[in-house]
Structure formats: C-alpha cells, structure tokens
Amino acid sequence: MNLPARITIREVGARDGLQSEAPLDVDDRLELLDALLIAGVTHLEVAAFVSPAAVPAMAGAADVVAGLGAPEGVVRAALVPNVRGAELALAAGIDELTVTISASATYNQRNVRMSIDESLAAIAAICMLAGPVPVDAVISCAFGSPYEGDSLPADVALLAERLRASGASAVTLADTTGMATPRRIDDVLLRTGTHVGLHLHDTRGTGLLNLYAGLQAGVVRFDTSVGGLGGSPFAAGAAGNVATEEAVALCDDLGVHTGIGIEAIIEAALLVERLVGHQVPSRVAHAGPRSRRAGA
C-alpha cells in the first residue's frame, strides 16, 4: 500500500462536535480540550466566534480560548462566519481561522445567507484582516448537496482556486451531508489535487471508507471529531464526523502515524459522552481498538 507515513488530524469535536448539542459551560469544554491534549492532539478547532443567539453551544468562545491558554506545539483554530467574528477570534489570540463556503448555492444561502460570490468576497476580507494568521477555507457539500445533488469536480476545483486567489492559505473539502463515496473522493481529488484537507461525515456509513480513499490518494490532512459527534443544522439527517478514535485505530493498524494515543482518545470520547448525556456514535469508543484484550 502506498500510504503517507504520517498525517495531521485537526480535532473538531469542541466546535463541530458540540455545536448541535445542548450547550455545555466553558469549564466542561475546557475539560474536553484538556483530555484531547492528553491524548496527543496537536491541532484543535476549539470554538466558533458566532452569534450566541444563532449557535448557543458556542457562547463564551473567547473564554474557552483564554482558559485553554497557548500550549506549546498546539495549533488552536476557530471558525468565524464574517469579519466581526474574525476580529474577535484574532483579539482572543487564536492561531488559525477557519471559514466556510459551500459548493452548493442553496446550502450556502441557508448556512450563511449569502451567495457563493458574496461568500468569496467576505473570505477575501477575512484573509486580509488575518495577516500572518493562516485561514483555512472549508468547502462544504464538496461531494454533493441534498439540494442540487452531486457536486461537479470541476466546479469544486475552480472554487478551491478562487479561494486561494482570495488569500486562503489552505482549502479543506467537506462532505457535509455524507454523500461522498471512495469513487467520488477520487474524482474530486483528481481535479483539486491532494494538497487539500478532508472533512468527512458518516451519514451513510462511508466515512472511514472515504478517509481510507483519501489516504490512498495521498491526502495528509483530515478533520475528525471525538466520539463521532457533529452534524449540520441546515441539512436534515446529516450525521456526525468521522470519529477521531476510529481514524486513529485505522491508522495505527496501517502504520500511518497520527501522534494520538488510542486509549487516551477513547477516554476523551467517553468523557464527551458523559458531558453531552447520551451515547456517542463511535464504535471504537465502546468496543475498543482491535489490540485490546478480553477483560482489559
């Protein structure tokens, strides 16, 4: 197998994973982030600087950043929807901004109430404001939309080019509603190249398959969420992200280095299960890795 020797996992559980849950207080979110750091996670999406009225679960974003501090060797990312959100995130001392735009015009309008061209202009303004702070532009519905159907690979590639021209330092392709398959992953990556990240959801049970297809193609950046939490409030039935512990368990068996300890990340998944008050969808969180012996 021709797989990368190591990959970077950006853990998005504290943002994408919690945004659709009943709000947790700042101390609980910091407890989760501490557990992720103990597990060896070095790239975290810690919060979203959005209106608390729109996303109550993300209230207190600046307090989360302040409480976490600036651990050495750790990249702290935050989602921002507009220039005001970017100003607040930068004032809080964040290391990376993430912004979203959709390959689906309908989803973009429902998510951020802008056309794709308007979103591009807003992202360009955020990139200018950010200066040396990197901005990762996440293209949602990159493999398909519940509104327009399959996304055309050429259109996704063109949007990625326009984002880089607007100042984005990185581009991540998101399978927001779980419409991707390994074939569609390959089709899009043939157009965009593999110098992108993948943000995968497990709505139709293909999340890990798609991650493996990305590995085989040469992608080395992936977003995952502890416990497999996540989902979009703007797409009915959209399930959570690929679980971090499931991605780590797979990569461990493949000899792909993540830097994340499997037992410790499972402990973090069980912690988030207790915090949100319901079972997380991750299979590995409950069954353990294949290396775990009976009675362990």
C-alpha atoms as a PDB file:
ATOM      1  CA  MET A   1       0.000   0.000   0.000  1.00  0.00           C
ATOM      2  CA  ASN A   2       1.254   3.442  -0.912  1.00  0.00           C
ATOM      3  CA  LEU A   3       0.124   5.411   2.140  1.00  0.00           C
ATOM      4  CA  PRO A   4       1.553   8.527   3.793  1.00  0.00           C
ATOM      5  CA  ALA A   5       3.907   7.886   6.708  1.00  0.00           C
ATOM      6  CA  ARG A   6       2.095  10.432   8.885  1.00  0.00           C
ATOM      7  CA  ILE A   7      -0.976  12.618   8.772  1.00  0.00           C
ATOM      8  CA  THR A   8      -2.278  15.652  10.639  1.00  0.00           C
ATOM      9  CA  ILE A   9      -5.620  15.320  12.384  1.00  0.00           C
ATOM     10  CA  ARG A  10      -7.455  18.517  13.238  1.00  0.00           C
ATOM     11  CA  GLU A  11      -9.780  17.609  16.101  1.00  0.00           C
ATOM     12  CA  VAL A  12     -13.063  19.483  15.619  1.00  0.00           C
ATOM     13  CA  GLY A  13     -15.093  17.952  18.450  1.00  0.00           C
ATOM     14  CA  ALA A  14     -15.104  21.070  20.615  1.00  0.00           C
ATOM     15  CA  ARG A  15     -16.640  23.033  17.729  1.00  0.00           C
ATOM     16  CA  ASP A  16     -18.321  20.883  15.078  1.00  0.00           C
ATOM     17  CA  GLY A  17     -18.988  18.101  17.554  1.00  0.00           C
ATOM     18  CA  LEU A  18     -20.696  20.302  20.139  1.00  0.00           C
ATOM     19  CA  GLN A  19     -22.400  22.939  18.005  1.00  0.00           C
ATOM     20  CA  SER A  20     -25.638  20.939  17.657  1.00  0.00           C
ATOM     21  CA  GLU A  21     -25.648  19.677  21.263  1.00  0.00           C
ATOM     22  CA  ALA A  22     -27.262  21.265  24.281  1.00  0.00           C
ATOM     23  CA  PRO A  23     -24.818  23.972  25.404  1.00  0.00           C
ATOM     24  CA  LEU A  24     -22.001  22.967  27.738  1.00  0.00           C
ATOM     25  CA  ASP A  25     -20.436  25.517  30.031  1.00  0.00           C
ATOM     26  CA  VAL A  26     -16.901  26.744  29.450  1.00  0.00           C
ATOM     27  CA  ASP A  27     -15.386  24.539  32.159  1.00  0.00           C
ATOM     28  CA  ASP A  28     -16.843  21.387  30.581  1.00  0.00           C
ATOM     29  CA  ARG A  29     -15.500  22.360  27.159  1.00  0.00           C
ATOM     30  CA  LEU A  30     -12.086  23.020  28.683  1.00  0.00           C
ATOM     31  CA  GLU A  31     -12.172  19.604  30.360  1.00  0.00           C
ATOM     32  CA  LEU A  32     -12.762  18.046  26.938  1.00  0.00           C
ATOM     33  CA  LEU A  33      -9.967  20.056  25.345  1.00  0.00           C
ATOM     34  CA  ASP A  34      -7.565  19.051  28.131  1.00  0.00           C
ATOM     35  CA  ALA A  35      -8.452  15.378  27.537  1.00  0.00           C
ATOM     36  CA  LEU A  36      -7.710  15.811  23.817  1.00  0.00           C
ATOM     37  CA  LEU A  37      -4.332  17.376  24.607  1.00  0.00           C
ATOM     38  CA  ILE A  38      -3.507  14.479  26.947  1.00  0.00           C
ATOM     39  CA  ALA A  39      -4.302  12.101  24.074  1.00  0.00           C
ATOM     40  CA  GLY A  40      -1.684  13.817  21.926  1.00  0.00           C
ATOM     41  CA  VAL A  41      -3.871  16.024  19.735  1.00  0.00           C
ATOM     42  CA  THR A  42      -1.842  18.990  18.489  1.00  0.00           C
ATOM     43  CA  HIS A  43      -4.362  20.666  16.159  1.00  0.00           C
ATOM     44  CA  LEU A  44      -7.698  21.684  17.681  1.00  0.00           C
ATOM     45  CA  GLU A  45     -10.701  23.603  16.439  1.00  0.00           C
ATOM     46  CA  VAL A  46     -11.601  24.977  19.840  1.00  0.00           C
ATOM     47  CA  ALA A  47     -14.603  27.248  19.245  1.00  0.00           C
ATOM     48  CA  ALA A  48     -16.677  29.286  16.840  1.00  0.00           C
ATOM     49  CA  PHE A  49     -16.893  33.063  17.108  1.00  0.00           C
ATOM     50  CA  VAL A  50     -20.526  33.259  16.062  1.00  0.00           C
ATOM     51  CA  SER A  51     -23.642  34.874  17.478  1.00  0.00           C
ATOM     52  CA  PRO A  52     -24.674  33.053  20.687  1.00  0.00           C
ATOM     53  CA  ALA A  53     -28.268  33.611  19.613  1.00  0.00           C
ATOM     54  CA  ALA A  54     -27.636  31.654  16.416  1.00  0.00           C
ATOM     55  CA  VAL A  55     -25.452  28.917  17.949  1.00  0.00           C
ATOM     56  CA  PRO A  56     -25.944  28.874  21.744  1.00  0.00           C
ATOM     57  CA  ALA A  57     -23.484  25.978  22.179  1.00  0.00           C
ATOM     58  CA  MET A  58     -20.623  28.217  21.039  1.00  0.00           C
ATOM     59  CA  ALA A  59     -21.240  31.046  23.541  1.00  0.00           C
ATOM     60  CA  GLY A  60     -18.152  32.035  25.504  1.00  0.00           C
ATOM     61  CA  ALA A  61     -15.658  31.328  22.722  1.00  0.00           C
ATOM     62  CA  ALA A  62     -13.150  33.894  23.995  1.00  0.00           C
ATOM     63  CA  ASP A  63     -13.369  32.403  27.494  1.00  0.00           C
ATOM     64  CA  VAL A  64     -12.587  28.958  26.080  1.00  0.00           C
ATOM     65  CA  VAL A  65      -9.502  30.291  24.290  1.00  0.00           C
ATOM     66  CA  ALA A  66      -8.342  32.147  27.394  1.00  0.00           C
ATOM     67  CA  GLY A  67      -8.912  29.139  29.633  1.00  0.00           C
ATOM     68  CA  LEU A  68      -7.021  26.829  27.317  1.00  0.00           C
ATOM     69  CA  GLY A  69      -4.038  29.129  27.067  1.00  0.00           C
ATOM     70  CA  ALA A  70      -1.412  28.556  24.396  1.00  0.00           C
ATOM     71  CA  PRO A  71       0.052  25.058  24.867  1.00  0.00           C
ATOM     72  CA  GLU A  72       3.424  24.685  23.193  1.00  0.00           C
ATOM     73  CA  GLY A  73       3.281  22.973  19.815  1.00  0.00           C
ATOM     74  CA  VAL A  74      -0.523  23.150  19.599  1.00  0.00           C
ATOM     75  CA  VAL A  75      -2.482  24.938  16.857  1.00  0.00           C
ATOM     76  CA  ARG A  76      -5.762  26.421  18.117  1.00  0.00           C
ATOM     77  CA  ALA A  77      -8.254  27.066  15.320  1.00  0.00           C
ATOM     78  CA  ALA A  78     -11.608  28.840  15.459  1.00  0.00           C
ATOM     79  CA  LEU A  79     -14.466  29.032  12.985  1.00  0.00           C
ATOM     80  CA  VAL A  80     -15.500  32.565  12.008  1.00  0.00           C
ATOM     81  CA  PRO A  81     -18.510  33.463   9.839  1.00  0.00           C
ATOM     82  CA  ASN A  82     -17.581  37.050   8.989  1.00  0.00           C
ATOM     83  CA  VAL A  83     -15.105  39.877   9.589  1.00  0.00           C
ATOM     84  CA  ARG A  84     -16.557  40.662  13.028  1.00  0.00           C
ATOM     85  CA  GLY A  85     -16.090  37.056  14.095  1.00  0.00           C
ATOM     86  CA  ALA A  86     -12.533  37.143  12.759  1.00  0.00           C
ATOM     87  CA  GLU A  87     -11.791  40.325  14.730  1.00  0.00           C
ATOM     88  CA  LEU A  88     -12.984  38.664  17.939  1.00  0.00           C
ATOM     89  CA  ALA A  89     -11.021  35.461  17.263  1.00  0.00           C
ATOM     90  CA  LEU A  90      -7.823  37.343  16.476  1.00  0.00           C
ATOM     91  CA  ALA A  91      -8.244  39.502  19.581  1.00  0.00           C
ATOM     92  CA  ALA A  92      -8.535  36.286  21.606  1.00  0.00           C
ATOM     93  CA  GLY A  93      -5.159  35.178  20.221  1.00  0.00           C
ATOM     94  CA  ILE A  94      -6.283  32.308  18.003  1.00  0.00           C
ATOM     95  CA  ASP A  95      -3.638  30.575  15.821  1.00  0.00           C
ATOM     96  CA  GLU A  96      -5.777  29.706  12.788  1.00  0.00           C
ATOM     97  CA  LEU A  97      -9.084  30.820  11.336  1.00  0.00           C
ATOM     98  CA  THR A  98     -11.482  28.503   9.552  1.00  0.00           C
ATOM     99  CA  VAL A  99     -14.125  29.878   7.223  1.00  0.00           C
ATOM    100  CA  THR A 100     -16.846  28.074   5.310  1.00  0.00           C
ATOM    101  CA  ILE A 101     -18.273  28.370   1.838  1.00  0.00           C
ATOM    102  CA  SER A 102     -20.407  25.841   0.019  1.00  0.00           C
ATOM    103  CA  ALA A 103     -20.155  24.285  -3.424  1.00  0.00           C
ATOM    104  CA  SER A 104     -23.976  24.249  -3.196  1.00  0.00           C
ATOM    105  CA  ALA A 105     -25.571  27.636  -3.786  1.00  0.00           C
ATOM    106  CA  THR A 106     -28.714  26.643  -1.861  1.00  0.00           C
ATOM    107  CA  TYR A 107     -26.810  25.294   1.129  1.00  0.00           C
ATOM    108  CA  ASN A 108     -24.589  28.406   1.170  1.00  0.00           C
ATOM    109  CA  GLN A 109     -27.653  30.634   1.276  1.00  0.00           C
ATOM    110  CA  ARG A 110     -29.221  28.616   4.100  1.00  0.00           C
ATOM    111  CA  ASN A 111     -25.974  28.352   6.079  1.00  0.00           C
ATOM    112  CA  VAL A 112     -24.572  31.888   5.831  1.00  0.00           C
ATOM    113  CA  ARG A 113     -27.328  33.744   3.935  1.00  0.00           C
ATOM    114  CA  MET A 114     -25.005  34.729   1.123  1.00  0.00           C
ATOM    115  CA  SER A 115     -24.420  33.795  -2.490  1.00  0.00           C
ATOM    116  CA  ILE A 116     -21.192  31.980  -3.308  1.00  0.00           C
ATOM    117  CA  ASP A 117     -19.721  35.181  -4.794  1.00  0.00           C
ATOM    118  CA  GLU A 118     -20.682  37.133  -1.667  1.00  0.00           C
ATOM    119  CA  SER A 119     -19.015  34.482   0.496  1.00  0.00           C
ATOM    120  CA  LEU A 120     -15.854  34.705  -1.597  1.00  0.00           C
ATOM    121  CA  ALA A 121     -15.751  38.469  -1.047  1.00  0.00           C
ATOM    122  CA  ALA A 122     -16.279  38.015   2.701  1.00  0.00           C
ATOM    123  CA  ILE A 123     -13.488  35.419   2.889  1.00  0.00           C
ATOM    124  CA  ALA A 124     -11.128  37.735   0.998  1.00  0.00           C
ATOM    125  CA  ALA A 125     -11.814  40.438   3.602  1.00  0.00           C
ATOM    126  CA  ILE A 126     -11.164  37.970   6.447  1.00  0.00           C
ATOM    127  CA  CYS A 127      -7.886  36.870   4.846  1.00  0.00           C
ATOM    128  CA  MET A 128      -6.753  40.482   4.531  1.00  0.00           C
ATOM    129  CA  LEU A 129      -7.619  41.133   8.182  1.00  0.00           C
ATOM    130  CA  ALA A 130      -5.887  37.929   9.344  1.00  0.00           C
ATOM    131  CA  GLY A 131      -2.476  38.959   8.030  1.00  0.00           C
ATOM    132  CA  PRO A 132       0.030  36.246   9.031  1.00  0.00           C
ATOM    133  CA  VAL A 133      -2.609  34.101  10.757  1.00  0.00           C
ATOM    134  CA  PRO A 134      -3.489  31.249   8.378  1.00  0.00           C
ATOM    135  CA  VAL A 135      -7.024  30.926   7.041  1.00  0.00           C
ATOM    136  CA  ASP A 136      -8.375  27.510   6.058  1.00  0.00           C
ATOM    137  CA  ALA A 137     -11.361  27.738   3.700  1.00  0.00           C
ATOM    138  CA  VAL A 138     -13.668  24.750   4.122  1.00  0.00           C
ATOM    139  CA  ILE A 139     -15.786  23.944   1.060  1.00  0.00           C
ATOM    140  CA  SER A 140     -18.956  22.327   2.358  1.00  0.00           C
ATOM    141  CA  CYS A 141     -21.004  19.982   0.154  1.00  0.00           C
ATOM    142  CA  ALA A 142     -17.853  19.372  -1.885  1.00  0.00           C
ATOM    143  CA  PHE A 143     -19.099  15.923  -2.926  1.00  0.00           C
ATOM    144  CA  GLY A 144     -22.815  16.573  -3.125  1.00  0.00           C
ATOM    145  CA  SER A 145     -25.724  18.550  -1.737  1.00  0.00           C
ATOM    146  CA  PRO A 146     -29.215  17.489  -0.631  1.00  0.00           C
ATOM    147  CA  TYR A 147     -30.486  20.417  -2.697  1.00  0.00           C
ATOM    148  CA  GLU A 148     -28.597  20.235  -6.033  1.00  0.00           C
ATOM    149  CA  GLY A 149     -27.362  16.628  -5.953  1.00  0.00           C
ATOM    150  CA  ASP A 150     -23.815  15.673  -6.940  1.00  0.00           C
ATOM    151  CA  SER A 151     -21.216  18.448  -6.998  1.00  0.00           C
ATOM    152  CA  LEU A 152     -19.212  18.617 -10.214  1.00  0.00           C
ATOM    153  CA  PRO A 153     -15.495  18.009  -9.516  1.00  0.00           C
ATOM    154  CA  ALA A 154     -14.518  20.773 -11.954  1.00  0.00           C
ATOM    155  CA  ASP A 155     -16.717  23.271 -10.081  1.00  0.00           C
ATOM    156  CA  VAL A 156     -15.187  22.288  -6.730  1.00  0.00           C
ATOM    157  CA  ALA A 157     -11.669  22.644  -8.153  1.00  0.00           C
ATOM    158  CA  LEU A 158     -12.485  26.082  -9.571  1.00  0.00           C
ATOM    159  CA  LEU A 159     -13.896  27.209  -6.221  1.00  0.00           C
ATOM    160  CA  ALA A 160     -10.724  25.977  -4.485  1.00  0.00           C
ATOM    161  CA  GLU A 161      -8.621  28.019  -6.924  1.00  0.00           C
ATOM    162  CA  ARG A 162     -10.739  31.116  -6.340  1.00  0.00           C
ATOM    163  CA  LEU A 163     -10.367  30.701  -2.568  1.00  0.00           C
ATOM    164  CA  ARG A 164      -6.586  30.525  -2.810  1.00  0.00           C
ATOM    165  CA  ALA A 165      -6.628  33.590  -5.048  1.00  0.00           C
ATOM    166  CA  SER A 166      -8.693  35.334  -2.359  1.00  0.00           C
ATOM    167  CA  GLY A 167      -5.927  34.724   0.191  1.00  0.00           C
ATOM    168  CA  ALA A 168      -6.868  31.418   1.817  1.00  0.00           C
ATOM    169  CA  SER A 169      -3.718  29.601   2.928  1.00  0.00           C
ATOM    170  CA  ALA A 170      -5.394  26.178   2.853  1.00  0.00           C
ATOM    171  CA  VAL A 171      -8.512  24.532   1.469  1.00  0.00           C
ATOM    172  CA  THR A 172     -10.454  21.668   3.051  1.00  0.00           C
ATOM    173  CA  LEU A 173     -13.123  19.659   1.238  1.00  0.00           C
ATOM    174  CA  ALA A 174     -16.114  18.809   3.445  1.00  0.00           C
ATOM    175  CA  ASP A 175     -18.590  16.008   2.877  1.00  0.00           C
ATOM    176  CA  THR A 176     -21.167  17.890   4.900  1.00  0.00           C
ATOM    177  CA  THR A 177     -24.111  15.551   4.415  1.00  0.00           C
ATOM    178  CA  GLY A 178     -22.260  12.278   3.867  1.00  0.00           C
ATOM    179  CA  MET A 179     -22.793  11.979   0.107  1.00  0.00           C
ATOM    180  CA  ALA A 180     -19.205  11.031  -0.742  1.00  0.00           C
ATOM    181  CA  THR A 181     -18.048   7.575  -1.757  1.00  0.00           C
ATOM    182  CA  PRO A 182     -14.464   6.449  -2.459  1.00  0.00           C
ATOM    183  CA  ARG A 183     -15.110   6.873  -6.191  1.00  0.00           C
ATOM    184  CA  ARG A 184     -16.327  10.426  -5.715  1.00  0.00           C
ATOM    185  CA  ILE A 185     -13.400  11.212  -3.414  1.00  0.00           C
ATOM    186  CA  ASP A 186     -11.052  10.096  -6.194  1.00  0.00           C
ATOM    187  CA  ASP A 187     -12.966  12.057  -8.854  1.00  0.00           C
ATOM    188  CA  VAL A 188     -12.747  15.324  -6.912  1.00  0.00           C
ATOM    189  CA  LEU A 189      -9.119  14.867  -5.843  1.00  0.00           C
ATOM    190  CA  LEU A 190      -8.130  14.252  -9.459  1.00  0.00           C
ATOM    191  CA  ARG A 191      -9.312  17.827 -10.137  1.00  0.00           C
ATOM    192  CA  THR A 192      -8.220  19.577  -6.942  1.00  0.00           C
ATOM    193  CA  GLY A 193      -5.006  17.694  -6.260  1.00  0.00           C
ATOM    194  CA  THR A 194      -4.225  16.177  -2.876  1.00  0.00           C
ATOM    195  CA  HIS A 195      -2.896  19.379  -1.243  1.00  0.00           C
ATOM    196  CA  VAL A 196      -6.277  19.749   0.495  1.00  0.00           C
ATOM    197  CA  GLY A 197      -7.772  18.580   3.751  1.00  0.00           C
ATOM    198  CA  LEU A 198     -10.767  16.251   4.042  1.00  0.00           C
ATOM    199  CA  HIS A 199     -13.614  16.833   6.491  1.00  0.00           C
ATOM    200  CA  LEU A 200     -15.795  13.731   6.355  1.00  0.00           C
ATOM    201  CA  HIS A 201     -19.174  12.830   7.831  1.00  0.00           C
ATOM    202  CA  ASP A 202     -20.603   9.357   8.362  1.00  0.00           C
ATOM    203  CA  THR A 203     -24.233   9.879   7.373  1.00  0.00           C
ATOM    204  CA  ARG A 204     -24.298   6.868   5.041  1.00  0.00           C
ATOM    205  CA  GLY A 205     -21.672   4.744   6.776  1.00  0.00           C
ATOM    206  CA  THR A 206     -18.870   5.620   4.331  1.00  0.00           C
ATOM    207  CA  GLY A 207     -16.829   7.976   6.496  1.00  0.00           C
ATOM    208  CA  LEU A 208     -13.879   5.672   7.218  1.00  0.00           C
ATOM    209  CA  LEU A 209     -14.011   4.272   3.668  1.00  0.00           C
ATOM    210  CA  ASN A 210     -13.675   7.800   2.342  1.00  0.00           C
ATOM    211  CA  LEU A 211     -10.858   8.568   4.765  1.00  0.00           C
ATOM    212  CA  TYR A 212      -9.024   5.466   3.532  1.00  0.00           C
ATOM    213  CA  ALA A 213      -9.592   6.561  -0.077  1.00  0.00           C
ATOM    214  CA  GLY A 214      -8.070   9.930   0.829  1.00  0.00           C
ATOM    215  CA  LEU A 215      -5.060   8.225   2.417  1.00  0.00           C
ATOM    216  CA  GLN A 216      -4.536   6.105  -0.690  1.00  0.00           C
ATOM    217  CA  ALA A 217      -4.704   9.212  -2.870  1.00  0.00           C
ATOM    218  CA  GLY A 218      -2.061  10.963  -0.733  1.00  0.00           C
ATOM    219  CA  VAL A 219      -4.098  13.363   1.417  1.00  0.00           C
ATOM    220  CA  VAL A 220      -2.321  14.096   4.723  1.00  0.00           C
ATOM    221  CA  ARG A 221      -4.799  16.435   6.491  1.00  0.00           C
ATOM    222  CA  PHE A 222      -8.078  15.246   7.987  1.00  0.00           C
ATOM    223  CA  ASP A 223     -10.728  16.731  10.287  1.00  0.00           C
ATOM    224  CA  THR A 224     -12.242  14.296  12.795  1.00  0.00           C
ATOM    225  CA  SER A 225     -14.427  14.643  15.884  1.00  0.00           C
ATOM    226  CA  VAL A 226     -14.046  12.824  19.190  1.00  0.00           C
ATOM    227  CA  GLY A 227     -16.871  10.329  19.684  1.00  0.00           C
ATOM    228  CA  GLY A 228     -18.105  10.897  16.139  1.00  0.00           C
ATOM    229  CA  LEU A 229     -20.227  13.869  17.205  1.00  0.00           C
ATOM    230  CA  GLY A 230     -21.191  16.594  14.757  1.00  0.00           C
ATOM    231  CA  GLY A 231     -23.688  17.353  12.041  1.00  0.00           C
ATOM    232  CA  SER A 232     -25.272  20.263  10.250  1.00  0.00           C
ATOM    233  CA  PRO A 233     -28.444  22.019  11.413  1.00  0.00           C
ATOM    234  CA  PHE A 234     -29.011  23.078   7.778  1.00  0.00           C
ATOM    235  CA  ALA A 235     -29.233  19.578   6.287  1.00  0.00           C
ATOM    236  CA  ALA A 236     -31.789  17.167   7.694  1.00  0.00           C
ATOM    237  CA  GLY A 237     -30.355  13.797   8.679  1.00  0.00           C
ATOM    238  CA  ALA A 238     -26.693  14.803   8.453  1.00  0.00           C
ATOM    239  CA  ALA A 239     -24.720  12.618  10.853  1.00  0.00           C
ATOM    240  CA  GLY A 240     -21.548  13.310  12.798  1.00  0.00           C
ATOM    241  CA  ASN A 241     -17.958  13.472  11.671  1.00  0.00           C
ATOM    242  CA  VAL A 242     -15.656  10.503  11.381  1.00  0.00           C
ATOM    243  CA  ALA A 243     -14.744   9.685  14.976  1.00  0.00           C
ATOM    244  CA  THR A 244     -11.182  10.608  15.896  1.00  0.00           C
ATOM    245  CA  GLU A 245     -10.657   7.335  17.761  1.00  0.00           C
ATOM    246  CA  GLU A 246     -11.880   5.323  14.749  1.00  0.00           C
ATOM    247  CA  ALA A 247      -9.489   7.188  12.440  1.00  0.00           C
ATOM    248  CA  VAL A 248      -6.616   6.660  14.885  1.00  0.00           C
ATOM    249  CA  ALA A 249      -7.391   2.945  15.274  1.00  0.00           C
ATOM    250  CA  LEU A 250      -7.387   2.507  11.488  1.00  0.00           C
ATOM    251  CA  CYS A 251      -4.185   4.494  11.018  1.00  0.00           C
ATOM    252  CA  ASP A 252      -2.431   2.588  13.808  1.00  0.00           C
ATOM    253  CA  ASP A 253      -3.138  -0.678  12.012  1.00  0.00           C
ATOM    254  CA  LEU A 254      -1.974   0.777   8.688  1.00  0.00           C
ATOM    255  CA  GLY A 255       1.262   2.129  10.145  1.00  0.00           C
ATOM    256  CA  VAL A 256       0.235   5.752   9.492  1.00  0.00           C
ATOM    257  CA  HIS A 257       1.450   7.975  12.345  1.00  0.00           C
ATOM    258  CA  THR A 258      -1.061  10.372  13.914  1.00  0.00           C
ATOM    259  CA  GLY A 259       0.660  11.177  17.215  1.00  0.00           C
ATOM    260  CA  ILE A 260      -2.590  10.413  19.064  1.00  0.00           C
ATOM    261  CA  GLY A 261      -2.797   7.622  21.636  1.00  0.00           C
ATOM    262  CA  ILE A 262      -5.708   5.286  21.022  1.00  0.00           C
ATOM    263  CA  GLU A 263      -6.572   4.500  24.643  1.00  0.00           C
ATOM    264  CA  ALA A 264      -6.374   8.155  25.682  1.00  0.00           C
ATOM    265  CA  ILE A 265      -8.553   9.347  22.801  1.00  0.00           C
ATOM    266  CA  ILE A 266     -11.119   6.682  23.697  1.00  0.00           C
ATOM    267  CA  GLU A 267     -11.116   8.095  27.247  1.00  0.00           C
ATOM    268  CA  ALA A 268     -11.816  11.523  25.728  1.00  0.00           C
ATOM    269  CA  ALA A 269     -14.706  10.056  23.724  1.00  0.00           C
ATOM    270  CA  LEU A 270     -16.227   8.502  26.833  1.00  0.00           C
ATOM    271  CA  LEU A 271     -15.790  11.832  28.621  1.00  0.00           C
ATOM    272  CA  VAL A 272     -17.702  13.695  25.914  1.00  0.00           C
ATOM    273  CA  GLU A 273     -20.389  11.017  26.106  1.00  0.00           C
ATOM    274  CA  ARG A 274     -20.842  11.817  29.788  1.00  0.00           C
ATOM    275  CA  LEU A 275     -20.788  15.556  29.134  1.00  0.00           C
ATOM    276  CA  VAL A 276     -23.474  15.526  26.421  1.00  0.00           C
ATOM    277  CA  GLY A 277     -25.581  12.970  28.265  1.00  0.00           C
ATOM    278  CA  HIS A 278     -26.096  10.431  25.505  1.00  0.00           C
ATOM    279  CA  GLN A 279     -24.172   7.663  23.793  1.00  0.00           C
ATOM    280  CA  VAL A 280     -21.738   8.777  21.105  1.00  0.00           C
ATOM    281  CA  PRO A 281     -21.982   7.017  17.724  1.00  0.00           C
ATOM    282  CA  SER A 282     -18.350   5.860  17.664  1.00  0.00           C
ATOM    283  CA  ARG A 283     -17.957   2.077  17.544  1.00  0.00           C
ATOM    284  CA  VAL A 284     -14.332   2.110  18.678  1.00  0.00           C
ATOM    285  CA  ALA A 285     -15.221   4.210  21.739  1.00  0.00           C
ATOM    286  CA  HIS A 286     -17.294   1.297  23.034  1.00  0.00           C
ATOM    287  CA  ALA A 287     -15.616  -1.783  21.549  1.00  0.00           C
ATOM    288  CA  GLY A 288     -12.058  -0.534  21.980  1.00  0.00           C
ATOM    289  CA  PRO A 289      -9.243  -0.982  19.471  1.00  0.00           C
ATOM    290  CA  ARG A 290      -8.642  -4.423  17.955  1.00  0.00           C
ATOM    291  CA  SER A 291      -5.473  -4.662  20.054  1.00  0.00           C
ATOM    292  CA  ARG A 292      -7.456  -4.602  23.324  1.00  0.00           C
ATOM    293  CA  ARG A 293      -7.588  -7.972  25.060  1.00  0.00           C
ATOM    294  CA  ALA A 294     -10.605  -9.501  26.785  1.00  0.00           C
ATOM    295  CA  GLY A 295     -11.007  -8.204  30.319  1.00  0.00           C
ATOM    296  CA  ALA A 296      -8.951  -5.068  29.620  1.00  0.00           C
END
